[in-house]
Amino acid sequence: MEWAQRQKKELLESKATEVIQAITAIKCATKQAKENQQNLINYYHSNLLRMDYARYRKIGCGIIGSGAIESAHRTIIQKRLKQSGQRWGNTGAQNVLNLRAINGSGQWDKVIQNIKLAAKNASLMNVAV
């Protein structure tokens, strides 16, 4: 258990290469264990660039596990874009998803502030002309 806790700490400090080394150092007793070990090492190598957890935590990404991301994918993306009869171009879909992501993160007031600011700037531009 202590070993696993150390590896978790290393991952949260963005030291995935050290975790890979620790996994590699384990002596496996069976062929299946060796295969599982290699699969895990391959997974870490393939996802190394996505494992900068210290940076993610620093910029305020409180949830860094894949379960939350998969849930958000279902609720934010699929529920809206996969409705019956929906047809989307890339630009329209991205715009709708941006708004849904902002709303889902509880920051809708920023959208309203930006709309009000844009309207105010537009009215000032009309007055100046």
N, C-alpha and C. Protein backbone atom coordinates (compact mmCIF):
# COMPACT_ATOMS: atom_id res chain seq x y z
N MET A 1 0.83 -1.20 0.00
CA MET A 1 0.00 0.00 0.00
C MET A 1 0.87 1.25 0.00
N GLU A 2 1.95 1.22 0.75
CA GLU A 2 2.84 2.37 0.81
C GLU A 2 3.43 2.67 -0.57
N TRP A 3 3.78 1.62 -1.31
CA TRP A 3 4.34 1.78 -2.65
C TRP A 3 3.33 2.49 -3.55
N ALA A 4 2.09 2.06 -3.52
CA ALA A 4 1.05 2.65 -4.35
C ALA A 4 0.82 4.12 -3.99
N GLN A 5 0.85 4.43 -2.70
CA GLN A 5 0.67 5.82 -2.27
C GLN A 5 1.82 6.70 -2.77
N ARG A 6 3.04 6.16 -2.76
CA ARG A 6 4.19 6.90 -3.28
C ARG A 6 4.01 7.18 -4.77
N GLN A 7 3.52 6.18 -5.50
CA GLN A 7 3.32 6.36 -6.95
C GLN A 7 2.22 7.39 -7.22
N LYS A 8 1.18 7.36 -6.43
CA LYS A 8 0.11 8.35 -6.57
C LYS A 8 0.65 9.75 -6.34
N LYS A 9 1.47 9.91 -5.30
CA LYS A 9 2.08 11.21 -4.99
C LYS A 9 2.96 11.66 -6.15
N GLU A 10 3.74 10.75 -6.71
CA GLU A 10 4.59 11.09 -7.85
C GLU A 10 3.75 11.54 -9.04
N LEU A 11 2.67 10.84 -9.32
CA LEU A 11 1.80 11.24 -10.43
C LEU A 11 1.23 12.63 -10.21
N LEU A 12 0.76 12.91 -9.00
CA LEU A 12 0.18 14.22 -8.71
C LEU A 12 1.22 15.34 -8.78
N GLU A 13 2.49 14.97 -8.70
CA GLU A 13 3.58 15.94 -8.84
C GLU A 13 4.14 15.94 -10.27
N SER A 14 3.40 15.34 -11.20
CA SER A 14 3.78 15.26 -12.62
C SER A 14 5.11 14.54 -12.84
N LYS A 15 5.31 13.48 -12.08
CA LYS A 15 6.53 12.67 -12.21
C LYS A 15 6.19 11.28 -12.74
N ALA A 16 5.48 11.24 -13.86
CA ALA A 16 5.05 9.96 -14.43
C ALA A 16 6.22 9.12 -14.89
N THR A 17 7.31 9.73 -15.33
CA THR A 17 8.46 8.94 -15.76
C THR A 17 9.06 8.16 -14.58
N GLU A 18 9.02 8.75 -13.39
CA GLU A 18 9.50 8.04 -12.20
C GLU A 18 8.59 6.87 -11.86
N VAL A 19 7.29 7.06 -12.07
CA VAL A 19 6.33 5.97 -11.84
C VAL A 19 6.58 4.84 -12.82
N ILE A 20 6.85 5.19 -14.06
CA ILE A 20 7.15 4.16 -15.07
C ILE A 20 8.39 3.37 -14.64
N GLN A 21 9.41 4.07 -14.15
CA GLN A 21 10.62 3.38 -13.68
C GLN A 21 10.32 2.45 -12.50
N ALA A 22 9.47 2.91 -11.60
CA ALA A 22 9.11 2.08 -10.44
C ALA A 22 8.34 0.83 -10.87
N ILE A 23 7.46 0.99 -11.85
CA ILE A 23 6.70 -0.17 -12.35
C ILE A 23 7.64 -1.13 -13.07
N THR A 24 8.56 -0.58 -13.84
CA THR A 24 9.52 -1.39 -14.58
C THR A 24 10.40 -2.21 -13.64
N ALA A 25 10.71 -1.66 -12.48
CA ALA A 25 11.60 -2.32 -11.51
C ALA A 25 10.96 -3.52 -10.81
N ILE A 26 9.65 -3.65 -10.92
CA ILE A 26 8.96 -4.77 -10.27
C ILE A 26 9.31 -6.08 -10.97
N LYS A 27 9.68 -7.07 -10.20
CA LYS A 27 9.98 -8.40 -10.74
C LYS A 27 8.69 -9.21 -10.77
N CYS A 28 8.30 -9.64 -11.95
CA CYS A 28 7.05 -10.38 -12.12
C CYS A 28 7.30 -11.89 -12.08
N ALA A 29 6.44 -12.60 -11.36
CA ALA A 29 6.62 -14.04 -11.18
C ALA A 29 6.00 -14.87 -12.29
N THR A 30 4.99 -14.32 -12.97
CA THR A 30 4.30 -15.11 -14.00
C THR A 30 4.31 -14.36 -15.33
N LYS A 31 4.05 -15.11 -16.36
CA LYS A 31 3.96 -14.53 -17.70
C LYS A 31 2.82 -13.51 -17.77
N GLN A 32 1.67 -13.85 -17.16
CA GLN A 32 0.52 -12.94 -17.16
C GLN A 32 0.85 -11.65 -16.42
N ALA A 33 1.54 -11.75 -15.30
CA ALA A 33 1.92 -10.55 -14.54
C ALA A 33 2.86 -9.67 -15.37
N LYS A 34 3.81 -10.29 -16.06
CA LYS A 34 4.74 -9.55 -16.92
C LYS A 34 4.00 -8.85 -18.05
N GLU A 35 3.02 -9.54 -18.63
CA GLU A 35 2.21 -8.95 -19.70
C GLU A 35 1.40 -7.77 -19.18
N ASN A 36 0.79 -7.93 -18.01
CA ASN A 36 0.04 -6.83 -17.39
C ASN A 36 0.94 -5.63 -17.10
N GLN A 37 2.14 -5.93 -16.61
CA GLN A 37 3.11 -4.88 -16.32
C GLN A 37 3.45 -4.11 -17.60
N GLN A 38 3.70 -4.83 -18.67
CA GLN A 38 4.06 -4.19 -19.94
C GLN A 38 2.90 -3.36 -20.49
N ASN A 39 1.68 -3.87 -20.35
CA ASN A 39 0.50 -3.11 -20.79
C ASN A 39 0.39 -1.80 -20.03
N LEU A 40 0.64 -1.85 -18.73
CA LEU A 40 0.58 -0.65 -17.90
C LEU A 40 1.67 0.34 -18.29
N ILE A 41 2.86 -0.16 -18.51
CA ILE A 41 3.97 0.71 -18.93
C ILE A 41 3.65 1.36 -20.28
N ASN A 42 3.11 0.57 -21.20
CA ASN A 42 2.72 1.12 -22.52
C ASN A 42 1.66 2.20 -22.37
N TYR A 43 0.70 1.96 -21.48
CA TYR A 43 -0.35 2.96 -21.23
C TYR A 43 0.25 4.27 -20.73
N TYR A 44 1.13 4.19 -19.76
CA TYR A 44 1.77 5.39 -19.22
C TYR A 44 2.58 6.11 -20.29
N HIS A 45 3.33 5.37 -21.08
CA HIS A 45 4.11 6.00 -22.16
C HIS A 45 3.19 6.69 -23.17
N SER A 46 2.10 6.04 -23.53
CA SER A 46 1.17 6.60 -24.52
C SER A 46 0.47 7.86 -24.01
N ASN A 47 0.29 7.96 -22.71
CA ASN A 47 -0.46 9.07 -22.13
C ASN A 47 0.41 10.04 -21.34
N LEU A 48 1.70 9.94 -21.49
CA LEU A 48 2.64 10.75 -20.71
C LEU A 48 2.36 12.25 -20.83
N LEU A 49 2.06 12.71 -22.03
CA LEU A 49 1.82 14.14 -22.23
C LEU A 49 0.52 14.63 -21.58
N ARG A 50 -0.38 13.71 -21.29
CA ARG A 50 -1.65 14.07 -20.64
C ARG A 50 -1.58 13.96 -19.13
N MET A 51 -0.44 13.61 -18.59
CA MET A 51 -0.33 13.32 -17.16
C MET A 51 0.40 14.43 -16.40
N ASP A 52 0.20 15.66 -16.82
CA ASP A 52 0.83 16.80 -16.14
C ASP A 52 -0.13 17.28 -15.04
N TYR A 53 -0.38 16.39 -14.09
CA TYR A 53 -1.38 16.64 -13.06
C TYR A 53 -1.06 17.82 -12.16
N ALA A 54 0.21 18.09 -11.91
CA ALA A 54 0.57 19.25 -11.08
C ALA A 54 0.10 20.53 -11.76
N ARG A 55 0.29 20.63 -13.07
CA ARG A 55 -0.15 21.82 -13.80
C ARG A 55 -1.68 21.91 -13.81
N TYR A 56 -2.34 20.79 -14.02
CA TYR A 56 -3.81 20.79 -14.05
C TYR A 56 -4.37 21.28 -12.72
N ARG A 57 -3.78 20.81 -11.63
CA ARG A 57 -4.24 21.24 -10.30
C ARG A 57 -3.93 22.71 -10.08
N LYS A 58 -2.78 23.17 -10.57
CA LYS A 58 -2.37 24.56 -10.39
C LYS A 58 -3.33 25.52 -11.09
N ILE A 59 -3.83 25.13 -12.27
CA ILE A 59 -4.74 26.01 -13.01
C ILE A 59 -6.20 25.82 -12.60
N GLY A 60 -6.44 25.00 -11.58
CA GLY A 60 -7.78 24.90 -11.02
C GLY A 60 -8.63 23.75 -11.52
N CYS A 61 -8.05 22.80 -12.19
CA CYS A 61 -8.81 21.63 -12.62
C CYS A 61 -8.91 20.69 -11.42
N GLY A 62 -9.99 20.82 -10.68
CA GLY A 62 -10.14 20.05 -9.46
C GLY A 62 -10.29 18.56 -9.70
N ILE A 63 -10.97 18.20 -10.78
CA ILE A 63 -11.22 16.79 -11.07
C ILE A 63 -10.34 16.40 -12.25
N ILE A 64 -9.44 15.45 -12.03
CA ILE A 64 -8.53 15.07 -13.10
C ILE A 64 -8.69 13.61 -13.53
N GLY A 65 -9.68 12.94 -12.99
CA GLY A 65 -9.90 11.54 -13.35
C GLY A 65 -10.73 11.43 -14.62
N SER A 66 -10.63 10.31 -15.29
CA SER A 66 -11.34 10.13 -16.55
C SER A 66 -12.85 9.93 -16.37
N GLY A 67 -13.28 9.45 -15.22
CA GLY A 67 -14.71 9.23 -14.99
C GLY A 67 -15.51 10.51 -15.10
N ALA A 68 -15.01 11.59 -14.53
CA ALA A 68 -15.69 12.88 -14.60
C ALA A 68 -15.73 13.39 -16.04
N ILE A 69 -14.65 13.18 -16.77
CA ILE A 69 -14.58 13.61 -18.17
C ILE A 69 -15.58 12.82 -19.01
N GLU A 70 -15.65 11.52 -18.80
CA GLU A 70 -16.60 10.70 -19.55
C GLU A 70 -18.03 11.10 -19.25
N SER A 71 -18.31 11.42 -18.00
CA SER A 71 -19.65 11.87 -17.62
C SER A 71 -19.98 13.20 -18.28
N ALA A 72 -19.02 14.12 -18.27
CA ALA A 72 -19.24 15.42 -18.91
C ALA A 72 -19.45 15.24 -20.42
N HIS A 73 -18.74 14.33 -21.01
CA HIS A 73 -18.91 14.06 -22.44
C HIS A 73 -20.34 13.64 -22.74
N ARG A 74 -20.88 12.78 -21.89
CA ARG A 74 -22.27 12.33 -22.07
C ARG A 74 -23.25 13.47 -21.87
N THR A 75 -23.08 14.22 -20.77
CA THR A 75 -24.09 15.22 -20.43
C THR A 75 -23.96 16.51 -21.23
N ILE A 76 -22.75 16.91 -21.55
CA ILE A 76 -22.57 18.19 -22.25
C ILE A 76 -22.59 18.00 -23.75
N ILE A 77 -21.93 16.99 -24.24
CA ILE A 77 -21.79 16.83 -25.69
C ILE A 77 -22.90 15.98 -26.29
N GLN A 78 -22.99 14.74 -25.85
CA GLN A 78 -23.91 13.82 -26.51
C GLN A 78 -25.37 14.22 -26.37
N LYS A 79 -25.78 14.67 -25.18
CA LYS A 79 -27.19 15.00 -24.97
C LYS A 79 -27.66 16.09 -25.93
N ARG A 80 -26.77 16.99 -26.29
CA ARG A 80 -27.17 18.10 -27.16
C ARG A 80 -26.96 17.79 -28.63
N LEU A 81 -25.83 17.25 -28.97
CA LEU A 81 -25.49 17.08 -30.38
C LEU A 81 -26.09 15.83 -31.01
N LYS A 82 -26.50 14.87 -30.21
CA LYS A 82 -27.02 13.63 -30.77
C LYS A 82 -28.53 13.50 -30.68
N GLN A 83 -29.22 14.62 -30.55
CA GLN A 83 -30.68 14.57 -30.51
C GLN A 83 -31.21 14.22 -31.90
N SER A 84 -32.39 13.65 -31.91
CA SER A 84 -33.01 13.24 -33.16
C SER A 84 -33.15 14.44 -34.10
N GLY A 85 -32.72 14.25 -35.35
CA GLY A 85 -32.86 15.28 -36.37
C GLY A 85 -31.80 16.35 -36.34
N GLN A 86 -30.85 16.28 -35.45
CA GLN A 86 -29.81 17.31 -35.34
C GLN A 86 -28.78 17.16 -36.46
N ARG A 87 -28.40 18.27 -37.04
CA ARG A 87 -27.32 18.31 -38.02
C ARG A 87 -26.43 19.47 -37.64
N TRP A 88 -25.13 19.21 -37.54
CA TRP A 88 -24.20 20.24 -37.09
C TRP A 88 -23.00 20.34 -38.02
N GLY A 89 -22.58 21.57 -38.27
CA GLY A 89 -21.28 21.81 -38.87
C GLY A 89 -20.28 21.96 -37.74
N ASN A 90 -19.01 21.95 -38.04
CA ASN A 90 -17.98 22.05 -37.00
C ASN A 90 -18.09 23.34 -36.19
N THR A 91 -18.27 24.47 -36.87
CA THR A 91 -18.31 25.76 -36.18
C THR A 91 -19.53 25.86 -35.26
N GLY A 92 -20.69 25.50 -35.77
CA GLY A 92 -21.91 25.57 -34.96
C GLY A 92 -21.84 24.64 -33.75
N ALA A 93 -21.36 23.43 -33.98
CA ALA A 93 -21.25 22.47 -32.88
C ALA A 93 -20.28 22.99 -31.82
N GLN A 94 -19.13 23.53 -32.24
CA GLN A 94 -18.15 24.03 -31.28
C GLN A 94 -18.72 25.19 -30.48
N ASN A 95 -19.46 26.09 -31.13
CA ASN A 95 -20.06 27.22 -30.41
C ASN A 95 -21.07 26.76 -29.36
N VAL A 96 -21.92 25.81 -29.72
CA VAL A 96 -22.90 25.29 -28.78
C VAL A 96 -22.20 24.58 -27.62
N LEU A 97 -21.18 23.79 -27.92
CA LEU A 97 -20.47 23.07 -26.87
C LEU A 97 -19.72 24.03 -25.95
N ASN A 98 -19.17 25.10 -26.49
CA ASN A 98 -18.51 26.10 -25.64
C ASN A 98 -19.50 26.67 -24.63
N LEU A 99 -20.69 27.02 -25.09
CA LEU A 99 -21.71 27.57 -24.19
C LEU A 99 -22.16 26.54 -23.17
N ARG A 100 -22.33 25.29 -23.58
CA ARG A 100 -22.76 24.25 -22.64
C ARG A 100 -21.68 23.97 -21.60
N ALA A 101 -20.41 24.00 -22.02
CA ALA A 101 -19.31 23.77 -21.07
C ALA A 101 -19.24 24.90 -20.05
N ILE A 102 -19.42 26.13 -20.52
CA ILE A 102 -19.41 27.27 -19.60
C ILE A 102 -20.56 27.17 -18.62
N ASN A 103 -21.74 26.84 -19.12
CA ASN A 103 -22.90 26.70 -18.25
C ASN A 103 -22.69 25.55 -17.26
N GLY A 104 -22.17 24.43 -17.74
CA GLY A 104 -21.94 23.28 -16.88
C GLY A 104 -20.91 23.53 -15.80
N SER A 105 -20.01 24.48 -16.03
CA SER A 105 -18.99 24.79 -15.03
C SER A 105 -19.42 25.92 -14.10
N GLY A 106 -20.68 26.36 -14.24
CA GLY A 106 -21.22 27.38 -13.34
C GLY A 106 -20.69 28.78 -13.60
N GLN A 107 -20.29 29.06 -14.84
CA GLN A 107 -19.72 30.36 -15.15
C GLN A 107 -20.56 31.13 -16.17
N TRP A 108 -21.86 30.88 -16.19
CA TRP A 108 -22.73 31.52 -17.17
C TRP A 108 -22.74 33.04 -17.01
N ASP A 109 -22.52 33.53 -15.80
CA ASP A 109 -22.50 34.98 -15.58
C ASP A 109 -21.42 35.66 -16.41
N LYS A 110 -20.33 34.97 -16.72
CA LYS A 110 -19.28 35.53 -17.57
C LYS A 110 -19.78 35.73 -19.00
N VAL A 111 -20.61 34.82 -19.48
CA VAL A 111 -21.19 34.96 -20.82
C VAL A 111 -22.08 36.20 -20.85
N ILE A 112 -22.91 36.34 -19.84
CA ILE A 112 -23.82 37.50 -19.77
C ILE A 112 -23.02 38.79 -19.71
N GLN A 113 -21.95 38.82 -18.91
CA GLN A 113 -21.10 40.02 -18.83
C GLN A 113 -20.49 40.35 -20.19
N ASN A 114 -20.02 39.35 -20.91
CA ASN A 114 -19.43 39.58 -22.23
C ASN A 114 -20.47 40.08 -23.23
N ILE A 115 -21.68 39.55 -23.17
CA ILE A 115 -22.74 40.01 -24.07
C ILE A 115 -23.08 41.47 -23.78
N LYS A 116 -23.22 41.80 -22.50
CA LYS A 116 -23.52 43.19 -22.13
C LYS A 116 -22.41 44.13 -22.55
N LEU A 117 -21.16 43.71 -22.37
CA LEU A 117 -20.02 44.53 -22.75
C LEU A 117 -19.99 44.74 -24.27
N ALA A 118 -20.25 43.69 -25.03
CA ALA A 118 -20.27 43.80 -26.49
C ALA A 118 -21.39 44.73 -26.94
N ALA A 119 -22.57 44.63 -26.30
CA ALA A 119 -23.69 45.50 -26.65
C ALA A 119 -23.35 46.96 -26.33
N LYS A 120 -22.73 47.17 -25.19
CA LYS A 120 -22.35 48.53 -24.79
C LYS A 120 -21.33 49.10 -25.77
N ASN A 121 -20.33 48.33 -26.13
CA ASN A 121 -19.31 48.78 -27.08
C ASN A 121 -19.92 49.07 -28.45
N ALA A 122 -20.88 48.22 -28.87
CA ALA A 122 -21.54 48.45 -30.15
C ALA A 122 -22.33 49.74 -30.14
N SER A 123 -23.03 50.02 -29.04
CA SER A 123 -23.82 51.25 -28.97
C SER A 123 -22.90 52.47 -28.92
N LEU A 124 -21.75 52.35 -28.28
CA LEU A 124 -20.78 53.45 -28.26
C LEU A 124 -20.22 53.70 -29.64
N MET A 125 -19.99 52.63 -30.41
CA MET A 125 -19.49 52.77 -31.77
C MET A 125 -20.52 53.47 -32.66
N ASN A 126 -21.82 53.15 -32.47
CA ASN A 126 -22.87 53.80 -33.25
C ASN A 126 -22.99 55.28 -32.93
N VAL A 127 -22.80 55.64 -31.66
CA VAL A 127 -22.88 57.04 -31.24
C VAL A 127 -21.71 57.82 -31.82
N ALA A 128 -20.53 57.18 -31.87
CA ALA A 128 -19.32 57.86 -32.35
C ALA A 128 -19.38 58.09 -33.85
N VAL A 129 -20.12 57.29 -34.58
CA VAL A 129 -20.19 57.40 -36.04
C VAL A 129 -21.16 58.44 -36.38
